C-alpha cells in the first residue's frame, strides 16, 4: 500500500469515528432517524477504510453486508443488523409517502445501531 492509500484509509477511519460520535449525540437528544443514518455512514466508512488497509479498493456501494463479506475478517455485526442499517439508510433520510422519519424510528432502533458501532470499536 502506498503512502496516499495509507493516508486515505486513515482518513476514512477517523471520519467513521467522528460520525459515530454524531450518532451517539443524536441518540442522546432523541433524534433516532439521524442515529440510523449516521450509523450507516460510520460503518460504511469504517469498512471501506479497513478494505483499503487490506489493499482492496472499495466499490462505491452502500450495502454493508456486501462490504462486510469483502473484509478479511468480518466486522462481527450480524447480517440482520447490517441489513437493517443498510435498508433503513434512505427512509431514515428522506422518508416516504407513508413514513415520516422523525415519527418512525425509536430508541430501540437507536440502541441497535449504537450496539453495531460498539462491535467495531467506534
PDB file of N, CA and C in Angstrom:
ATOM      1  N   UNK A   1       0.849  -1.175   0.000  1.00  0.00           N
ATOM      2  CA  UNK A   1       0.000   0.000   0.000  1.00  0.00           C
ATOM      3  C   UNK A   1       0.898   1.241   0.000  1.00  0.00           C
ATOM      4  N   UNK A   2       0.585   2.194  -0.865  1.00  0.00           N
ATOM      5  CA  UNK A   2       1.411   3.397  -0.935  1.00  0.00           C
ATOM      6  C   UNK A   2       0.968   4.427   0.113  1.00  0.00           C
ATOM      7  N   UNK A   3       1.780   5.448   0.263  1.00  0.00           N
ATOM      8  CA  UNK A   3       1.542   6.476   1.291  1.00  0.00           C
ATOM      9  C   UNK A   3       0.176   7.140   1.141  1.00  0.00           C
ATOM     10  N   UNK A   4      -0.211   7.427  -0.081  1.00  0.00           N
ATOM     11  CA  UNK A   4      -1.506   8.077  -0.324  1.00  0.00           C
ATOM     12  C   UNK A   4      -2.658   7.169   0.114  1.00  0.00           C
ATOM     13  N   UNK A   5      -2.576   5.889  -0.178  1.00  0.00           N
ATOM     14  CA  UNK A   5      -3.614   4.941   0.231  1.00  0.00           C
ATOM     15  C   UNK A   5      -3.683   4.816   1.750  1.00  0.00           C
ATOM     16  N   UNK A   6      -2.534   4.828   2.387  1.00  0.00           N
ATOM     17  CA  UNK A   6      -2.491   4.760   3.852  1.00  0.00           C
ATOM     18  C   UNK A   6      -3.177   5.982   4.448  1.00  0.00           C
ATOM     19  N   UNK A   7      -2.847   7.155   3.919  1.00  0.00           N
ATOM     20  CA  UNK A   7      -3.449   8.386   4.436  1.00  0.00           C
ATOM     21  C   UNK A   7      -4.953   8.406   4.193  1.00  0.00           C
ATOM     22  N   UNK A   8      -5.381   7.914   3.034  1.00  0.00           N
ATOM     23  CA  UNK A   8      -6.818   7.890   2.715  1.00  0.00           C
ATOM     24  C   UNK A   8      -7.548   6.915   3.631  1.00  0.00           C
ATOM     25  N   UNK A   9      -7.004   5.740   3.851  1.00  0.00           N
ATOM     26  CA  UNK A   9      -7.676   4.777   4.741  1.00  0.00           C
ATOM     27  C   UNK A   9      -7.727   5.321   6.169  1.00  0.00           C
ATOM     28  N   UNK A  10      -6.656   5.946   6.615  1.00  0.00           N
ATOM     29  CA  UNK A  10      -6.656   6.563   7.951  1.00  0.00           C
ATOM     30  C   UNK A  10      -7.728   7.644   8.055  1.00  0.00           C
ATOM     31  N   UNK A  11      -7.868   8.434   6.996  1.00  0.00           N
ATOM     32  CA  UNK A  11      -8.896   9.481   6.965  1.00  0.00           C
ATOM     33  C   UNK A  11     -10.291   8.860   7.108  1.00  0.00           C
ATOM     34  N   UNK A  12     -10.575   7.811   6.331  1.00  0.00           N
ATOM     35  CA  UNK A  12     -11.892   7.174   6.394  1.00  0.00           C
ATOM     36  C   UNK A  12     -12.182   6.653   7.799  1.00  0.00           C
ATOM     37  N   UNK A  13     -11.181   6.078   8.443  1.00  0.00           N
ATOM     38  CA  UNK A  13     -11.372   5.572   9.803  1.00  0.00           C
ATOM     39  C   UNK A  13     -11.589   6.708  10.801  1.00  0.00           C
ATOM     40  N   UNK A  14     -10.878   7.815  10.629  1.00  0.00           N
ATOM     41  CA  UNK A  14     -11.109   8.988  11.502  1.00  0.00           C
ATOM     42  C   UNK A  14     -12.519   9.535  11.305  1.00  0.00           C
ATOM     43  N   UNK A  15     -12.952   9.636  10.057  1.00  0.00           N
ATOM     44  CA  UNK A  15     -14.296  10.131   9.767  1.00  0.00           C
ATOM     45  C   UNK A  15     -15.362   9.210  10.352  1.00  0.00           C
ATOM     46  N   UNK A  16     -15.142   7.915  10.247  1.00  0.00           N
ATOM     47  CA  UNK A  16     -16.093   6.951  10.818  1.00  0.00           C
ATOM     48  C   UNK A  16     -16.258   7.196  12.315  1.00  0.00           C
ATOM     49  N   UNK A  17     -15.158   7.453  12.997  1.00  0.00           N
ATOM     50  CA  UNK A  17     -15.205   7.712  14.440  1.00  0.00           C
ATOM     51  C   UNK A  17     -15.964   9.002  14.739  1.00  0.00           C
ATOM     52  N   UNK A  18     -15.730  10.042  13.958  1.00  0.00           N
ATOM     53  CA  UNK A  18     -16.446  11.314  14.150  1.00  0.00           C
ATOM     54  C   UNK A  18     -17.946  11.137  13.948  1.00  0.00           C
ATOM     55  N   UNK A  19     -18.308  10.421  12.894  1.00  0.00           N
ATOM     56  CA  UNK A  19     -19.731  10.229  12.586  1.00  0.00           C
ATOM     57  C   UNK A  19     -20.391   9.356  13.650  1.00  0.00           C
ATOM     58  N   UNK A  20     -19.669   8.383  14.183  1.00  0.00           N
ATOM     59  CA  UNK A  20     -20.197   7.558  15.280  1.00  0.00           C
ATOM     60  C   UNK A  20     -20.495   8.437  16.494  1.00  0.00           C
ATOM     61  N   UNK A  21     -19.620   9.409  16.751  1.00  0.00           N
ATOM     62  CA  UNK A  21     -19.867  10.361  17.848  1.00  0.00           C
ATOM     63  C   UNK A  21     -21.155  11.139  17.602  1.00  0.00           C
ATOM     64  N   UNK A  22     -21.364  11.564  16.358  1.00  0.00           N
ATOM     65  CA  UNK A  22     -22.590  12.283  15.996  1.00  0.00           C
ATOM     66  C   UNK A  22     -23.818  11.398  16.203  1.00  0.00           C
ATOM     67  N   UNK A  23     -23.695  10.112  15.882  1.00  0.00           N
ATOM     68  CA  UNK A  23     -24.807   9.181  16.081  1.00  0.00           C
ATOM     69  C   UNK A  23     -25.165   9.082  17.564  1.00  0.00           C
ATOM     70  N   UNK A  24     -24.157   9.003  18.409  1.00  0.00           N
ATOM     71  CA  UNK A  24     -24.409   8.917  19.855  1.00  0.00           C
ATOM     72  C   UNK A  24     -25.067  10.194  20.382  1.00  0.00           C
ATOM     73  N   UNK A  25     -24.622  11.323  19.893  1.00  0.00           N
ATOM     74  CA  UNK A  25     -25.235  12.592  20.297  1.00  0.00           C
ATOM     75  C   UNK A  25     -26.684  12.653  19.830  1.00  0.00           C
ATOM     76  N   UNK A  26     -26.941  12.191  18.618  1.00  0.00           N
ATOM     77  CA  UNK A  26     -28.316  12.173  18.110  1.00  0.00           C
ATOM     78  C   UNK A  26     -29.209  11.291  18.974  1.00  0.00           C
ATOM     79  N   UNK A  27     -28.681  10.178  19.437  1.00  0.00           N
ATOM     80  CA  UNK A  27     -29.470   9.321  20.330  1.00  0.00           C
ATOM     81  C   UNK A  27     -29.747  10.040  21.646  1.00  0.00           C
ATOM     82  N   UNK A  28     -28.730  10.712  22.163  1.00  0.00           N
ATOM     83  CA  UNK A  28     -28.884  11.408  23.437  1.00  0.00           C
ATOM     84  C   UNK A  28     -30.029  12.421  23.379  1.00  0.00           C
ATOM     85  N   UNK A  29     -30.208  13.081  22.231  1.00  0.00           N
ATOM     86  CA  UNK A  29     -31.260  14.093  22.122  1.00  0.00           C
ATOM     87  C   UNK A  29     -32.532  13.558  21.459  1.00  0.00           C
ATOM     88  N   UNK A  30     -32.583  12.253  21.225  1.00  0.00           N
ATOM     89  CA  UNK A  30     -33.804  11.618  20.736  1.00  0.00           C
ATOM     90  C   UNK A  30     -34.062  11.725  19.248  1.00  0.00           C
ATOM     91  N   UNK A  31     -33.036  12.003  18.464  1.00  0.00           N
ATOM     92  CA  UNK A  31     -33.192  12.066  17.008  1.00  0.00           C
ATOM     93  C   UNK A  31     -32.834  10.703  16.414  1.00  0.00           C
ATOM     94  N   UNK A  32     -33.741   9.756  16.588  1.00  0.00           N
ATOM     95  CA  UNK A  32     -33.463   8.358  16.254  1.00  0.00           C
ATOM     96  C   UNK A  32     -33.270   8.126  14.759  1.00  0.00           C
ATOM     97  N   UNK A  33     -33.961   8.889  13.930  1.00  0.00           N
ATOM     98  CA  UNK A  33     -33.770   8.741  12.481  1.00  0.00           C
ATOM     99  C   UNK A  33     -32.343   9.111  12.090  1.00  0.00           C
ATOM    100  N   UNK A  34     -31.768  10.104  12.754  1.00  0.00           N
ATOM    101  CA  UNK A  34     -30.381  10.501  12.474  1.00  0.00           C
ATOM    102  C   UNK A  34     -29.393   9.441  12.964  1.00  0.00           C
ATOM    103  N   UNK A  35     -29.738   8.758  14.041  1.00  0.00           N
ATOM    104  CA  UNK A  35     -28.864   7.686  14.534  1.00  0.00           C
ATOM    105  C   UNK A  35     -28.737   6.602  13.471  1.00  0.00           C
ATOM    106  N   UNK A  36     -29.861   6.214  12.883  1.00  0.00           N
ATOM    107  CA  UNK A  36     -29.840   5.178  11.840  1.00  0.00           C
ATOM    108  C   UNK A  36     -28.973   5.632  10.671  1.00  0.00           C
ATOM    109  N   UNK A  37     -29.201   6.837  10.213  1.00  0.00           N
ATOM    110  CA  UNK A  37     -28.471   7.365   9.063  1.00  0.00           C
ATOM    111  C   UNK A  37     -26.976   7.507   9.360  1.00  0.00           C
ATOM    112  N   UNK A  38     -26.645   8.074  10.493  1.00  0.00           N
ATOM    113  CA  UNK A  38     -25.243   8.288  10.845  1.00  0.00           C
ATOM    114  C   UNK A  38     -24.530   6.962  11.098  1.00  0.00           C
ATOM    115  N   UNK A  39     -25.237   5.989  11.648  1.00  0.00           N
ATOM    116  CA  UNK A  39     -24.626   4.677  11.865  1.00  0.00           C
ATOM    117  C   UNK A  39     -24.250   4.042  10.540  1.00  0.00           C
ATOM    118  N   UNK A  40     -25.142   4.143   9.564  1.00  0.00           N
ATOM    119  CA  UNK A  40     -24.840   3.576   8.250  1.00  0.00           C
ATOM    120  C   UNK A  40     -23.601   4.244   7.666  1.00  0.00           C
ATOM    121  N   UNK A  41     -23.541   5.565   7.741  1.00  0.00           N
ATOM    122  CA  UNK A  41     -22.379   6.294   7.217  1.00  0.00           C
ATOM    123  C   UNK A  41     -21.093   5.848   7.912  1.00  0.00           C
ATOM    124  N   UNK A  42     -21.140   5.792   9.234  1.00  0.00           N
ATOM    125  CA  UNK A  42     -19.942   5.452  10.009  1.00  0.00           C
ATOM    126  C   UNK A  42     -19.450   4.047   9.689  1.00  0.00           C
ATOM    127  N   UNK A  43     -20.362   3.088   9.660  1.00  0.00           N
ATOM    128  CA  UNK A  43     -19.953   1.705   9.387  1.00  0.00           C
ATOM    129  C   UNK A  43     -19.430   1.567   7.959  1.00  0.00           C
ATOM    130  N   UNK A  44     -20.082   2.218   7.019  1.00  0.00           N
ATOM    131  CA  UNK A  44     -19.617   2.158   5.631  1.00  0.00           C
ATOM    132  C   UNK A  44     -18.192   2.707   5.512  1.00  0.00           C
ATOM    133  N   UNK A  45     -17.926   3.849   6.104  1.00  0.00           N
ATOM    134  CA  UNK A  45     -16.582   4.427   6.033  1.00  0.00           C
ATOM    135  C   UNK A  45     -15.559   3.549   6.751  1.00  0.00           C
ATOM    136  N   UNK A  46     -15.954   3.000   7.895  1.00  0.00           N
ATOM    137  CA  UNK A  46     -15.050   2.109   8.636  1.00  0.00           C
ATOM    138  C   UNK A  46     -14.681   0.898   7.781  1.00  0.00           C
ATOM    139  N   UNK A  47     -15.696   0.288   7.159  1.00  0.00           N
ATOM    140  CA  UNK A  47     -15.435  -0.892   6.322  1.00  0.00           C
ATOM    141  C   UNK A  47     -14.565  -0.545   5.123  1.00  0.00           C
ATOM    142  N   UNK A  48     -14.830   0.580   4.501  1.00  0.00           N
ATOM    143  CA  UNK A  48     -14.038   0.978   3.335  1.00  0.00           C
ATOM    144  C   UNK A  48     -12.603   1.308   3.750  1.00  0.00           C
ATOM    145  N   UNK A  49     -12.427   1.921   4.909  1.00  0.00           N
ATOM    146  CA  UNK A  49     -11.076   2.167   5.412  1.00  0.00           C
ATOM    147  C   UNK A  49     -10.333   0.874   5.673  1.00  0.00           C
ATOM    148  N   UNK A  50     -11.017  -0.103   6.264  1.00  0.00           N
ATOM    149  CA  UNK A  50     -10.402  -1.414   6.528  1.00  0.00           C
ATOM    150  C   UNK A  50     -10.045  -2.124   5.228  1.00  0.00           C
ATOM    151  N   UNK A  51     -10.947  -2.058   4.246  1.00  0.00           N
ATOM    152  CA  UNK A  51     -10.650  -2.676   2.952  1.00  0.00           C
ATOM    153  C   UNK A  51      -9.410  -2.057   2.323  1.00  0.00           C
ATOM    154  N   UNK A  52      -9.303  -0.740   2.406  1.00  0.00           N
ATOM    155  CA  UNK A  52      -8.126  -0.070   1.844  1.00  0.00           C
ATOM    156  C   UNK A  52      -6.857  -0.512   2.570  1.00  0.00           C
ATOM    157  N   UNK A  53      -6.946  -0.731   3.880  1.00  0.00           N
ATOM    158  CA  UNK A  53      -5.786  -1.236   4.623  1.00  0.00           C
ATOM    159  C   UNK A  53      -5.370  -2.615   4.132  1.00  0.00           C
ATOM    160  N   UNK A  54      -6.320  -3.376   3.621  1.00  0.00           N
ATOM    161  CA  UNK A  54      -6.043  -4.704   3.074  1.00  0.00           C
ATOM    162  C   UNK A  54      -5.517  -4.623   1.642  1.00  0.00           C
ATOM    163  N   UNK A  55      -5.468  -3.411   1.086  1.00  0.00           N
ATOM    164  CA  UNK A  55      -5.030  -3.245  -0.290  1.00  0.00           C
ATOM    165  C   UNK A  55      -6.138  -3.403  -1.305  1.00  0.00           C
ATOM    166  N   UNK A  56      -7.391  -3.382  -0.837  1.00  0.00           N
ATOM    167  CA  UNK A  56      -8.553  -3.526  -1.713  1.00  0.00           C
ATOM    168  C   UNK A  56      -9.181  -2.151  -1.918  1.00  0.00           C
ATOM    169  N   UNK A  57      -9.358  -1.762  -3.168  1.00  0.00           N
ATOM    170  CA  UNK A  57     -10.054  -0.508  -3.457  1.00  0.00           C
ATOM    171  C   UNK A  57     -11.553  -0.773  -3.329  1.00  0.00           C
ATOM    172  N   UNK A  58     -12.222  -0.174  -2.355  1.00  0.00           N
ATOM    173  CA  UNK A  58     -13.633  -0.485  -2.141  1.00  0.00           C
ATOM    174  C   UNK A  58     -14.528   0.055  -3.255  1.00  0.00           C
ATOM    175  N   UNK A  59     -15.545  -0.721  -3.571  1.00  0.00           N
ATOM    176  CA  UNK A  59     -16.539  -0.303  -4.559  1.00  0.00           C
ATOM    177  C   UNK A  59     -17.358   0.851  -3.988  1.00  0.00           C
ATOM    178  N   UNK A  60     -17.915   1.633  -4.854  1.00  0.00           N
ATOM    179  CA  UNK A  60     -18.758   2.755  -4.437  1.00  0.00           C
ATOM    180  C   UNK A  60     -20.184   2.235  -4.230  1.00  0.00           C
ATOM    181  N   UNK A  61     -20.343   1.460  -3.164  1.00  0.00           N
ATOM    182  CA  UNK A  61     -21.632   0.871  -2.815  1.00  0.00           C
ATOM    183  C   UNK A  61     -21.962   1.228  -1.372  1.00  0.00           C
ATOM    184  N   UNK A  62     -23.224   1.016  -1.009  1.00  0.00           N
ATOM    185  CA  UNK A  62     -23.672   1.315   0.349  1.00  0.00           C
ATOM    186  C   UNK A  62     -24.159   0.073   1.091  1.00  0.00           C
ATOM    187  N   UNK A  63     -24.114  -1.082   0.439  1.00  0.00           N
ATOM    188  CA  UNK A  63     -24.588  -2.338   1.022  1.00  0.00           C
ATOM    189  C   UNK A  63     -23.556  -2.844   2.030  1.00  0.00           C
ATOM    190  N   UNK A  64     -23.900  -2.731   3.303  1.00  0.00           N
ATOM    191  CA  UNK A  64     -22.951  -3.096   4.350  1.00  0.00           C
ATOM    192  C   UNK A  64     -22.658  -4.592   4.385  1.00  0.00           C
ATOM    193  N   UNK A  65     -23.628  -5.433   4.066  1.00  0.00           N
ATOM    194  CA  UNK A  65     -23.370  -6.879   4.030  1.00  0.00           C
ATOM    195  C   UNK A  65     -22.352  -7.217   2.947  1.00  0.00           C
ATOM    196  N   UNK A  66     -22.483  -6.585   1.800  1.00  0.00           N
ATOM    197  CA  UNK A  66     -21.534  -6.851   0.715  1.00  0.00           C
ATOM    198  C   UNK A  66     -20.130  -6.392   1.105  1.00  0.00           C
ATOM    199  N   UNK A  67     -20.034  -5.215   1.709  1.00  0.00           N
ATOM    200  CA  UNK A  67     -18.727  -4.736   2.161  1.00  0.00           C
ATOM    201  C   UNK A  67     -18.151  -5.659   3.229  1.00  0.00           C
ATOM    202  N   UNK A  68     -18.987  -6.104   4.149  1.00  0.00           N
ATOM    203  CA  UNK A  68     -18.531  -6.980   5.232  1.00  0.00           C
ATOM    204  C   UNK A  68     -17.955  -8.285   4.681  1.00  0.00           C
ATOM    205  N   UNK A  69     -18.584  -8.824   3.646  1.00  0.00           N
ATOM    206  CA  UNK A  69     -18.102 -10.073   3.047  1.00  0.00           C
ATOM    207  C   UNK A  69     -16.725  -9.909   2.414  1.00  0.00           C
ATOM    208  N   UNK A  70     -16.377  -8.697   2.011  1.00  0.00           N
ATOM    209  CA  UNK A  70     -15.088  -8.449   1.376  1.00  0.00           C
ATOM    210  C   UNK A  70     -13.962  -8.255   2.387  1.00  0.00           C
ATOM    211  N   UNK A  71     -14.305  -8.002   3.646  1.00  0.00           N
ATOM    212  CA  UNK A  71     -13.279  -7.816   4.676  1.00  0.00           C
ATOM    213  C   UNK A  71     -12.565  -9.132   4.950  1.00  0.00           C
ATOM    214  N   UNK A  72     -11.290  -9.071   5.202  1.00  0.00           N
ATOM    215  CA  UNK A  72     -10.523 -10.276   5.534  1.00  0.00           C
ATOM    216  C   UNK A  72     -11.061 -10.912   6.810  1.00  0.00           C
ATOM    217  N   UNK A  73     -11.482 -10.082   7.745  1.00  0.00           N
ATOM    218  CA  UNK A  73     -12.064 -10.551   8.998  1.00  0.00           C
ATOM    219  C   UNK A  73     -13.373  -9.803   9.189  1.00  0.00           C
ATOM    220  N   UNK A  74     -14.470 -10.528   9.345  1.00  0.00           N
ATOM    221  CA  UNK A  74     -15.794  -9.932   9.472  1.00  0.00           C
ATOM    222  C   UNK A  74     -15.831  -8.865  10.568  1.00  0.00           C
ATOM    223  N   UNK A  75     -16.725  -7.922  10.405  1.00  0.00           N
ATOM    224  CA  UNK A  75     -16.896  -6.855  11.393  1.00  0.00           C
ATOM    225  C   UNK A  75     -17.446  -7.387  12.716  1.00  0.00           C
ATOM    226  N   UNK A  76     -18.115  -8.524  12.667  1.00  0.00           N
ATOM    227  CA  UNK A  76     -18.743  -9.069  13.868  1.00  0.00           C
ATOM    228  C   UNK A  76     -20.173  -8.596  14.057  1.00  0.00           C
ATOM    229  N   UNK A  77     -20.620  -7.695  13.195  1.00  0.00           N
ATOM    230  CA  UNK A  77     -22.007  -7.227  13.238  1.00  0.00           C
ATOM    231  C   UNK A  77     -22.850  -8.257  12.487  1.00  0.00           C
ATOM    232  N   UNK A  78     -23.985  -8.622  13.053  1.00  0.00           N
ATOM    233  CA  UNK A  78     -24.818  -9.651  12.424  1.00  0.00           C
ATOM    234  C   UNK A  78     -25.309  -9.203  11.050  1.00  0.00           C
ATOM    235  N   UNK A  79     -25.538 -10.177  10.175  1.00  0.00           N
ATOM    236  CA  UNK A  79     -26.084  -9.879   8.852  1.00  0.00           C
ATOM    237  C   UNK A  79     -27.423  -9.170   8.979  1.00  0.00           C
ATOM    238  N   UNK A  80     -28.215  -9.587   9.954  1.00  0.00           N
ATOM    239  CA  UNK A  80     -29.539  -8.978  10.177  1.00  0.00           C
ATOM    240  C   UNK A  80     -29.399  -7.491  10.522  1.00  0.00           C
ATOM    241  N   UNK A  81     -28.474  -7.153  11.404  1.00  0.00           N
ATOM    242  CA  UNK A  81     -28.285  -5.745  11.773  1.00  0.00           C
ATOM    243  C   UNK A  81     -27.712  -4.943  10.614  1.00  0.00           C
ATOM    244  N   UNK A  82     -26.763  -5.524   9.869  1.00  0.00           N
ATOM    245  CA  UNK A  82     -26.214  -4.825   8.706  1.00  0.00           C
ATOM    246  C   UNK A  82     -27.296  -4.576   7.657  1.00  0.00           C
ATOM    247  N   UNK A  83     -28.186  -5.548   7.467  1.00  0.00           N
ATOM    248  CA  UNK A  83     -29.281  -5.385   6.514  1.00  0.00           C
ATOM    249  C   UNK A  83     -30.218  -4.271   6.974  1.00  0.00           C
ATOM    250  N   UNK A  84     -30.593  -4.292   8.258  1.00  0.00           N
ATOM    251  CA  UNK A  84     -31.471  -3.251   8.801  1.00  0.00           C
ATOM    252  C   UNK A  84     -30.867  -1.870   8.564  1.00  0.00           C
ATOM    253  N   UNK A  85     -29.611  -1.706   8.920  1.00  0.00           N
ATOM    254  CA  UNK A  85     -28.952  -0.404   8.812  1.00  0.00           C
ATOM    255  C   UNK A  85     -28.847   0.026   7.344  1.00  0.00           C
ATOM    256  N   UNK A  86     -28.511  -0.906   6.450  1.00  0.00           N
ATOM    257  CA  UNK A  86     -28.397  -0.592   5.021  1.00  0.00           C
ATOM    258  C   UNK A  86     -29.751  -0.207   4.426  1.00  0.00           C
ATOM    259  N   UNK A  87     -30.772  -1.013   4.712  1.00  0.00           N
ATOM    260  CA  UNK A  87     -32.090  -0.801   4.117  1.00  0.00           C
ATOM    261  C   UNK A  87     -32.745   0.474   4.658  1.00  0.00           C
ATOM    262  N   UNK A  88     -32.498   0.792   5.907  1.00  0.00           N
ATOM    263  CA  UNK A  88     -33.144   1.956   6.522  1.00  0.00           C
ATOM    264  C   UNK A  88     -32.423   3.264   6.238  1.00  0.00           C
ATOM    265  N   UNK A  89     -31.270   3.207   5.583  1.00  0.00           N
ATOM    266  CA  UNK A  89     -30.493   4.427   5.307  1.00  0.00           C
ATOM    267  C   UNK A  89     -31.327   5.478   4.574  1.00  0.00           C
ATOM    268  N   UNK A  90     -31.947   5.109   3.487  1.00  0.00           N
ATOM    269  CA  UNK A  90     -32.690   6.086   2.680  1.00  0.00           C
ATOM    270  C   UNK A  90     -33.989   6.514   3.363  1.00  0.00           C
ATOM    271  N   UNK A  91     -34.819   5.589   3.867  1.00  0.00           N
ATOM    272  CA  UNK A  91     -36.031   6.061   4.542  1.00  0.00           C
ATOM    273  C   UNK A  91     -35.748   6.947   5.756  1.00  0.00           C
ATOM    274  N   UNK A  92     -34.650   6.676   6.461  1.00  0.00           N
ATOM    275  CA  UNK A  92     -34.343   7.497   7.634  1.00  0.00           C
ATOM    276  C   UNK A  92     -33.925   8.908   7.235  1.00  0.00           C
ATOM    277  N   UNK A  93     -33.571   9.088   5.988  1.00  0.00           N
ATOM    278  CA  UNK A  93     -33.146  10.395   5.497  1.00  0.00           C
ATOM    279  C   UNK A  93     -34.296  11.121   4.803  1.00  0.00           C
ATOM    280  N   UNK A  94     -34.917  10.462   3.836  1.00  0.00           N
ATOM    281  CA  UNK A  94     -35.931  11.102   3.009  1.00  0.00           C
ATOM    282  C   UNK A  94     -37.363  10.795   3.432  1.00  0.00           C
ATOM    283  N   UNK A  95     -37.554   9.683   4.119  1.00  0.00           N
ATOM    284  CA  UNK A  95     -38.913   9.249   4.414  1.00  0.00           C
ATOM    285  C   UNK A  95     -39.536   8.639   3.174  1.00  0.00           C
ATOM    286  N   UNK A  96     -40.848   8.559   3.185  1.00  0.00           N
ATOM    287  CA  UNK A  96     -41.616   8.013   2.061  1.00  0.00           C
ATOM    288  C   UNK A  96     -43.035   8.522   2.219  1.00  0.00           C
ATOM    289  N   UNK A  97     -43.902   8.188   1.246  1.00  0.00           N
ATOM    290  CA  UNK A  97     -45.290   8.650   1.332  1.00  0.00           C
ATOM    291  C   UNK A  97     -45.932   8.284   2.661  1.00  0.00           C
ATOM    292  N   UNK A  98     -45.623   7.096   3.145  1.00  0.00           N
ATOM    293  CA  UNK A  98     -46.254   6.617   4.375  1.00  0.00           C
ATOM    294  C   UNK A  98     -45.271   6.551   5.557  1.00  0.00           C
ATOM    295  N   UNK A  99     -44.141   7.261   5.455  1.00  0.00           N
ATOM    296  CA  UNK A  99     -43.133   7.185   6.502  1.00  0.00           C
ATOM    297  C   UNK A  99     -42.519   8.572   6.744  1.00  0.00           C
ATOM    298  N   UNK A 100     -42.707   9.074   7.943  1.00  0.00           N
ATOM    299  CA  UNK A 100     -42.089  10.328   8.369  1.00  0.00           C
ATOM    300  C   UNK A 100     -40.940   9.937   9.301  1.00  0.00           C
ATOM    301  N   UNK A 101     -39.697  10.186   8.900  1.00  0.00           N
ATOM    302  CA  UNK A 101     -38.552   9.661   9.656  1.00  0.00           C
ATOM    303  C   UNK A 101     -38.558   9.964  11.152  1.00  0.00           C
ATOM    304  N   UNK A 102     -38.828  11.203  11.531  1.00  0.00           N
ATOM    305  CA  UNK A 102     -38.739  11.504  12.961  1.00  0.00           C
ATOM    306  C   UNK A 102     -39.935  11.008  13.764  1.00  0.00           C
ATOM    307  N   UNK A 103     -40.902  10.389  13.077  1.00  0.00           N
ATOM    308  CA  UNK A 103     -42.034   9.760  13.757  1.00  0.00           C
ATOM    309  C   UNK A 103     -41.956   8.234  13.697  1.00  0.00           C
ATOM    310  N   UNK A 104     -40.962   7.718  12.997  1.00  0.00           N
ATOM    311  CA  UNK A 104     -40.899   6.284  12.715  1.00  0.00           C
ATOM    312  C   UNK A 104     -39.896   5.529  13.572  1.00  0.00           C
ATOM    313  N   UNK A 105     -38.719   6.083  13.746  1.00  0.00           N
ATOM    314  CA  UNK A 105     -37.644   5.363  14.427  1.00  0.00           C
ATOM    315  C   UNK A 105     -37.702   5.599  15.925  1.00  0.00           C
ATOM    316  N   UNK A 106     -37.309   4.565  16.671  1.00  0.00           N
ATOM    317  CA  UNK A 106     -37.445   4.580  18.129  1.00  0.00           C
ATOM    318  C   UNK A 106     -36.091   4.457  18.814  1.00  0.00           C
ATOM    319  N   UNK A 107     -36.128   4.561  20.125  1.00  0.00           N
ATOM    320  CA  UNK A 107     -34.902   4.364  20.896  1.00  0.00           C
ATOM    321  C   UNK A 107     -34.369   2.946  20.718  1.00  0.00           C
ATOM    322  N   UNK A 108     -35.253   1.986  20.511  1.00  0.00           N
ATOM    323  CA  UNK A 108     -34.800   0.609  20.272  1.00  0.00           C
ATOM    324  C   UNK A 108     -33.980   0.531  18.978  1.00  0.00           C
ATOM    325  N   UNK A 109     -34.397   1.274  17.952  1.00  0.00           N
ATOM    326  CA  UNK A 109     -33.627   1.319  16.703  1.00  0.00           C
ATOM    327  C   UNK A 109     -32.265   1.956  16.958  1.00  0.00           C
ATOM    328  N   UNK A 110     -32.270   3.043  17.739  1.00  0.00           N
ATOM    329  CA  UNK A 110     -31.010   3.714  18.078  1.00  0.00           C
ATOM    330  C   UNK A 110     -30.092   2.790  18.853  1.00  0.00           C
ATOM    331  N   UNK A 111     -30.650   2.086  19.805  1.00  0.00           N
ATOM    332  CA  UNK A 111     -29.851   1.169  20.617  1.00  0.00           C
ATOM    333  C   UNK A 111     -29.224   0.087  19.742  1.00  0.00           C
ATOM    334  N   UNK A 112     -29.986  -0.431  18.808  1.00  0.00           N
ATOM    335  CA  UNK A 112     -29.485  -1.454  17.876  1.00  0.00           C
ATOM    336  C   UNK A 112     -28.314  -0.906  17.061  1.00  0.00           C
ATOM    337  N   UNK A 113     -28.444   0.318  16.603  1.00  0.00           N
ATOM    338  CA  UNK A 113     -27.381   0.945  15.808  1.00  0.00           C
ATOM    339  C   UNK A 113     -26.128   1.203  16.636  1.00  0.00           C
ATOM    340  N   UNK A 114     -26.305   1.747  17.827  1.00  0.00           N
ATOM    341  CA  UNK A 114     -25.155   2.044  18.680  1.00  0.00           C
ATOM    342  C   UNK A 114     -24.423   0.749  19.046  1.00  0.00           C
ATOM    343  N   UNK A 115     -25.168  -0.320  19.274  1.00  0.00           N
ATOM    344  CA  UNK A 115     -24.541  -1.620  19.570  1.00  0.00           C
ATOM    345  C   UNK A 115     -23.675  -2.077  18.390  1.00  0.00           C
ATOM    346  N   UNK A 116     -24.125  -1.816  17.168  1.00  0.00           N
ATOM    347  CA  UNK A 116     -23.340  -2.180  15.987  1.00  0.00           C
ATOM    348  C   UNK A 116     -22.043  -1.368  15.947  1.00  0.00           C
ATOM    349  N   UNK A 117     -22.133  -0.095  16.262  1.00  0.00           N
ATOM    350  CA  UNK A 117     -20.924   0.745  16.298  1.00  0.00           C
ATOM    351  C   UNK A 117     -19.945   0.234  17.342  1.00  0.00           C
ATOM    352  N   UNK A 118     -20.474  -0.177  18.480  1.00  0.00           N
ATOM    353  CA  UNK A 118     -19.615  -0.672  19.556  1.00  0.00           C
ATOM    354  C   UNK A 118     -18.902  -1.959  19.163  1.00  0.00           C
ATOM    355  N   UNK A 119     -19.558  -2.787  18.347  1.00  0.00           N
ATOM    356  CA  UNK A 119     -18.925  -4.038  17.908  1.00  0.00           C
ATOM    357  C   UNK A 119     -17.664  -3.798  17.095  1.00  0.00           C
ATOM    358  N   UNK A 120     -17.612  -2.673  16.398  1.00  0.00           N
ATOM    359  CA  UNK A 120     -16.420  -2.384  15.596  1.00  0.00           C
ATOM    360  C   UNK A 120     -15.493  -1.372  16.284  1.00  0.00           C
ATOM    361  N   UNK A 121     -15.862  -1.007  17.498  1.00  0.00           N
ATOM    362  CA  UNK A 121     -14.976  -0.165  18.308  1.00  0.00           C
ATOM    363  C   UNK A 121     -14.954   1.298  17.950  1.00  0.00           C
ATOM    364  N   UNK A 122     -16.046   1.772  17.381  1.00  0.00           N
ATOM    365  CA  UNK A 122     -16.115   3.224  17.104  1.00  0.00           C
ATOM    366  C   UNK A 122     -17.329   3.832  17.786  1.00  0.00           C
TER     367      UNK A 122
END
